[in-house]
Amino acid sequence: MPKTKKKNDGEIVINLDNFAIPIAIVLAGLLIAVGIFFSNKAKDTDPTVEGTPDTTTGDEFTASSTTIDDDPYLGDKSKVKVAVVEFSDFQCSYCKRHSDEVFPLIKSEYIDTGKIIYVFRDYQFFGGLSIDAAMGGECIDELKNDSVYADYHKQIFGLTSKDAVFTLAKKLGVNESKFKACMDATKYSEEITKDQADGTAAGVTGTPGFVVGILKDDGTVEGKFIGGAYPIESFRTLIDEMLAK
């Protein structure tokens, strides 16, 4: 408590010298807090704090290989030497981000121009609805074609029920009774399990995961592994590296 003293006439006078130390402590605390705030603010706005995606090089990715198996793909397999193989989960938010933001650029720059094929494989990390969605995709590919499957792949992320799988299949023009029969038979359970095993062997531990590499005549893809939802610059780096071989 600050000390006080009485003047001769009985008035109370506060000695301000006694406030000096408490005030200094408060001011020091405020200065530290302001410094921390602006330091964190700089981290939020500086892209180099987490690493700059634009400078990613192919050397940062490890060697990997997988196969295209008999899974759906876009592009002309007979005319390309490079493949991108995606392993994804339909409940995965990072997979959706890749599908929304990066895949369209890969499609316009490399698939539509006849430079690569892009292969869709399942890696149902979350189980449950993810497996239902994967099964639905396999059935759609059987009953329609790879192009319709790609439309399904684009729209199925974030589904909230098995009914959503049937609703989307109907929207895409798939025969309802045949689709239901295919789903009920769970005929692609082994295929989905194989996709996951192949993904794990390629280096996938979470989704999404990708192998970018040279496509061989037997369907093997030998190249490098991208683990995560990397920006388009990373894919350009690896795809161009493989195209140059």
Protein backbone atom coordinates (compact mmCIF):
# COMPACT_ATOMS: atom_id res chain seq x y z
CA MET A 1 0.00 0.00 0.00
CA PRO A 2 1.29 3.55 -0.73
CA LYS A 3 2.36 5.41 2.37
CA THR A 4 0.74 8.68 3.39
CA LYS A 5 1.77 11.48 5.67
CA LYS A 6 -0.04 14.27 7.42
CA LYS A 7 0.75 17.90 6.94
CA ASN A 8 0.74 20.09 9.95
CA ASP A 9 -2.70 21.40 9.07
CA GLY A 10 -4.16 17.90 9.11
CA GLU A 11 -4.35 17.34 5.33
CA ILE A 12 -3.48 13.88 3.92
CA VAL A 13 -0.77 13.84 1.27
CA ILE A 14 0.03 10.78 -0.91
CA ASN A 15 3.71 10.13 -1.53
CA LEU A 16 3.85 9.40 -5.32
CA ASP A 17 7.36 8.04 -5.04
CA ASN A 18 5.86 4.88 -3.62
CA PHE A 19 4.02 4.21 -6.96
CA ALA A 20 7.17 4.25 -9.07
CA ILE A 21 8.09 0.57 -8.83
CA PRO A 22 4.52 -0.85 -9.39
CA ILE A 23 4.02 1.45 -12.40
CA ALA A 24 7.35 0.40 -13.90
CA ILE A 25 6.40 -3.27 -13.56
CA VAL A 26 3.04 -2.71 -15.29
CA LEU A 27 4.65 -0.76 -18.15
CA ALA A 28 7.29 -3.45 -18.64
CA GLY A 29 4.57 -6.10 -18.84
CA LEU A 30 2.68 -4.08 -21.43
CA LEU A 31 5.79 -3.64 -23.57
CA ILE A 32 6.50 -7.39 -23.49
CA ALA A 33 2.90 -8.21 -24.45
CA VAL A 34 2.98 -5.76 -27.37
CA GLY A 35 6.28 -7.25 -28.56
CA ILE A 36 4.87 -10.81 -28.50
CA PHE A 37 1.71 -9.70 -30.33
CA PHE A 38 3.61 -8.11 -33.22
CA SER A 39 6.05 -11.02 -33.37
CA ASN A 40 3.18 -13.49 -33.78
CA LYS A 41 1.50 -11.17 -36.25
CA ALA A 42 4.61 -11.28 -38.40
CA LYS A 43 4.57 -15.08 -38.34
CA ASP A 44 0.95 -15.10 -39.49
CA THR A 45 1.72 -12.93 -42.51
CA ASP A 46 5.21 -14.09 -43.47
CA PRO A 47 5.02 -17.10 -45.83
CA THR A 48 8.63 -18.01 -45.13
CA VAL A 49 7.94 -18.90 -41.49
CA GLU A 50 6.39 -22.23 -42.44
CA GLY A 51 8.57 -22.60 -45.54
CA THR A 52 7.90 -21.16 -48.97
CA PRO A 53 6.00 -23.65 -51.18
CA ASP A 54 7.09 -21.89 -54.37
CA THR A 55 10.72 -22.95 -53.84
CA THR A 56 10.02 -26.66 -53.38
CA THR A 57 12.37 -28.86 -55.39
CA GLY A 58 12.16 -32.45 -56.48
CA ASP A 59 15.10 -33.28 -54.23
CA GLU A 60 12.88 -32.75 -51.18
CA PHE A 61 10.71 -35.77 -52.06
CA THR A 62 11.74 -39.38 -51.52
CA ALA A 63 11.93 -42.11 -54.16
CA SER A 64 8.80 -44.24 -54.44
CA SER A 65 6.98 -46.60 -56.75
CA THR A 66 3.51 -48.06 -57.13
CA THR A 67 1.21 -49.31 -59.90
CA ILE A 68 -1.80 -47.87 -61.65
CA ASP A 69 -3.50 -51.26 -61.08
CA ASP A 70 -6.91 -51.33 -62.79
CA ASP A 71 -8.09 -48.11 -61.18
CA PRO A 72 -9.83 -45.23 -62.98
CA TYR A 73 -7.66 -42.61 -64.62
CA LEU A 74 -7.79 -39.59 -66.89
CA GLY A 75 -5.58 -39.19 -69.94
CA ASP A 76 -4.35 -41.41 -72.78
CA LYS A 77 -2.23 -44.18 -71.33
CA SER A 78 -0.91 -45.21 -74.73
CA LYS A 79 0.64 -41.81 -75.42
CA VAL A 80 2.28 -40.71 -72.18
CA LYS A 81 5.33 -41.69 -70.18
CA VAL A 82 4.44 -40.02 -66.86
CA ALA A 83 1.70 -40.79 -64.35
CA VAL A 84 0.47 -39.16 -61.16
CA VAL A 85 -1.14 -41.69 -58.81
CA GLU A 86 -3.33 -40.23 -56.07
CA PHE A 87 -4.26 -42.07 -52.87
CA SER A 88 -7.10 -40.26 -51.13
CA ASP A 89 -9.93 -40.57 -48.60
CA PHE A 90 -13.33 -39.04 -49.27
CA GLN A 91 -13.65 -37.86 -45.65
CA CYS A 92 -10.30 -36.09 -45.77
CA SER A 93 -10.44 -32.27 -45.80
CA TYR A 94 -6.90 -31.98 -47.22
CA CYS A 95 -7.88 -34.35 -50.05
CA LYS A 96 -10.82 -32.07 -50.80
CA ARG A 97 -8.53 -29.05 -50.83
CA HIS A 98 -6.26 -30.79 -53.33
CA SER A 99 -9.28 -31.73 -55.44
CA ASP A 100 -10.66 -28.18 -55.39
CA GLU A 101 -7.47 -26.15 -55.76
CA VAL A 102 -4.63 -28.19 -57.26
CA PHE A 103 -6.14 -30.98 -59.35
CA PRO A 104 -7.92 -28.58 -61.78
CA LEU A 105 -4.54 -27.01 -62.59
CA ILE A 106 -2.89 -30.41 -63.07
CA LYS A 107 -5.77 -31.36 -65.36
CA SER A 108 -5.58 -28.24 -67.53
CA GLU A 109 -1.77 -28.12 -67.72
CA TYR A 110 -0.83 -31.79 -67.98
CA ILE A 111 -3.82 -34.12 -68.51
CA ASP A 112 -5.78 -32.15 -71.09
CA THR A 113 -2.55 -31.39 -72.97
CA GLY A 114 -1.73 -35.09 -73.28
CA LYS A 115 1.40 -35.07 -71.11
CA ILE A 116 0.38 -37.40 -68.27
CA ILE A 117 -2.28 -39.72 -66.95
CA TYR A 118 -3.79 -39.14 -63.52
CA VAL A 119 -4.83 -42.22 -61.56
CA PHE A 120 -7.35 -42.32 -58.71
CA ARG A 121 -6.74 -44.90 -55.99
CA ASP A 122 -8.42 -45.34 -52.60
CA TYR A 123 -6.83 -45.01 -49.19
CA GLN A 124 -9.70 -45.07 -46.73
CA PHE A 125 -7.90 -43.74 -43.71
CA PHE A 126 -11.09 -42.88 -41.81
CA GLY A 127 -13.13 -46.04 -42.54
CA GLY A 128 -16.93 -46.06 -42.22
CA LEU A 129 -18.44 -43.62 -44.72
CA SER A 130 -15.10 -43.39 -46.47
CA ILE A 131 -15.37 -47.06 -47.41
CA ASP A 132 -18.97 -46.61 -48.58
CA ALA A 133 -17.86 -43.71 -50.76
CA ALA A 134 -14.94 -45.71 -52.15
CA MET A 135 -17.26 -48.61 -52.92
CA GLY A 136 -19.63 -46.20 -54.66
CA GLY A 137 -16.79 -44.89 -56.80
CA GLU A 138 -15.78 -48.39 -57.89
CA CYS A 139 -19.38 -49.21 -58.80
CA ILE A 140 -19.76 -45.98 -60.77
CA ASP A 141 -16.58 -46.71 -62.69
CA GLU A 142 -17.94 -50.16 -63.55
CA LEU A 143 -21.39 -48.95 -64.57
CA LYS A 144 -20.26 -45.77 -66.33
CA ASN A 145 -16.66 -44.80 -67.17
CA ASP A 146 -13.55 -43.10 -65.84
CA SER A 147 -14.81 -39.65 -66.77
CA VAL A 148 -18.00 -40.05 -64.73
CA TYR A 149 -15.89 -41.44 -61.90
CA ALA A 150 -13.80 -38.25 -61.98
CA ASP A 151 -17.00 -36.21 -61.61
CA TYR A 152 -18.00 -38.39 -58.67
CA HIS A 153 -14.55 -37.99 -57.13
CA LYS A 154 -14.87 -34.23 -57.34
CA GLN A 155 -18.27 -34.07 -55.67
CA ILE A 156 -18.24 -36.80 -53.02
CA PHE A 157 -15.84 -35.23 -50.51
CA GLY A 158 -17.41 -34.45 -47.14
CA LEU A 159 -20.45 -36.70 -47.52
CA THR A 160 -22.50 -37.07 -44.36
CA SER A 161 -24.36 -40.33 -44.98
CA LYS A 162 -24.44 -43.43 -47.15
CA ASP A 163 -27.60 -42.03 -48.72
CA ALA A 164 -25.47 -39.20 -50.11
CA VAL A 165 -23.53 -41.77 -52.14
CA PHE A 166 -26.75 -43.03 -53.74
CA THR A 167 -28.00 -39.47 -54.31
CA LEU A 168 -24.83 -38.48 -56.13
CA ALA A 169 -24.81 -41.67 -58.21
CA LYS A 170 -28.35 -40.89 -59.34
CA LYS A 171 -27.37 -37.31 -60.14
CA LEU A 172 -24.57 -38.62 -62.36
CA GLY A 173 -26.99 -40.77 -64.33
CA VAL A 174 -26.11 -44.19 -62.91
CA ASN A 175 -28.81 -46.88 -63.04
CA GLU A 176 -30.20 -46.97 -59.51
CA SER A 177 -31.01 -50.66 -59.27
CA LYS A 178 -27.67 -51.75 -60.71
CA PHE A 179 -25.82 -49.35 -58.47
CA LYS A 180 -27.64 -50.63 -55.38
CA ALA A 181 -26.91 -54.23 -56.35
CA CYS A 182 -23.23 -53.42 -56.79
CA MET A 183 -23.06 -51.65 -53.43
CA ASP A 184 -24.94 -54.41 -51.60
CA ALA A 185 -22.60 -57.05 -53.00
CA THR A 186 -19.57 -55.20 -51.63
CA LYS A 187 -17.80 -56.71 -54.62
CA TYR A 188 -14.93 -54.23 -54.50
CA SER A 189 -13.92 -54.74 -50.87
CA GLU A 190 -10.73 -56.55 -51.87
CA GLU A 191 -9.91 -53.90 -54.46
CA ILE A 192 -10.23 -51.13 -51.84
CA THR A 193 -8.08 -53.10 -49.40
CA LYS A 194 -5.44 -53.63 -52.11
CA ASP A 195 -5.37 -49.92 -52.91
CA GLN A 196 -4.66 -49.14 -49.28
CA ALA A 197 -1.94 -51.79 -49.06
CA ASP A 198 -0.30 -50.45 -52.22
CA GLY A 199 -0.50 -46.92 -50.85
CA THR A 200 1.17 -47.94 -47.62
CA ALA A 201 3.92 -49.69 -49.57
CA ALA A 202 4.44 -46.47 -51.57
CA GLY A 203 4.88 -44.43 -48.39
CA VAL A 204 1.36 -43.24 -47.56
CA THR A 205 0.75 -42.79 -43.84
CA GLY A 206 -2.01 -40.21 -44.13
CA THR A 207 -4.05 -38.68 -46.92
CA PRO A 208 -3.59 -37.44 -49.53
CA GLY A 209 -0.50 -39.13 -50.91
CA PHE A 210 0.88 -39.17 -54.46
CA VAL A 211 3.43 -40.99 -56.55
CA VAL A 212 4.70 -38.97 -59.52
CA GLY A 213 6.84 -40.97 -61.89
CA ILE A 214 7.64 -42.75 -65.11
CA LEU A 215 4.89 -45.09 -66.32
CA LYS A 216 6.21 -48.46 -67.45
CA ASP A 217 4.54 -50.92 -69.81
CA ASP A 218 3.47 -53.19 -66.93
CA GLY A 219 1.67 -50.33 -65.14
CA THR A 220 4.44 -49.68 -62.62
CA VAL A 221 5.08 -46.04 -61.78
CA GLU A 222 8.60 -45.24 -60.56
CA GLY A 223 9.38 -41.78 -59.31
CA LYS A 224 8.94 -39.74 -56.13
CA PHE A 225 6.41 -39.51 -53.32
CA ILE A 226 4.46 -36.42 -52.25
CA GLY A 227 2.91 -36.84 -48.82
CA GLY A 228 0.26 -34.20 -48.21
CA ALA A 229 -1.74 -31.46 -49.91
CA TYR A 230 1.19 -29.66 -51.52
CA PRO A 231 0.71 -26.63 -53.79
CA ILE A 232 0.68 -26.83 -57.57
CA GLU A 233 4.34 -25.69 -57.71
CA SER A 234 5.47 -28.94 -56.11
CA PHE A 235 3.56 -31.02 -58.64
CA ARG A 236 4.89 -28.95 -61.52
CA THR A 237 8.43 -29.47 -60.27
CA LEU A 238 8.11 -33.27 -60.09
CA ILE A 239 6.02 -33.72 -63.22
CA ASP A 240 8.41 -31.60 -65.28
CA GLU A 241 11.35 -33.51 -63.80
CA MET A 242 9.83 -36.81 -64.92
CA LEU A 243 8.84 -35.49 -68.34
CA ALA A 244 12.44 -34.40 -68.91
CA LYS A 245 13.79 -37.93 -68.38
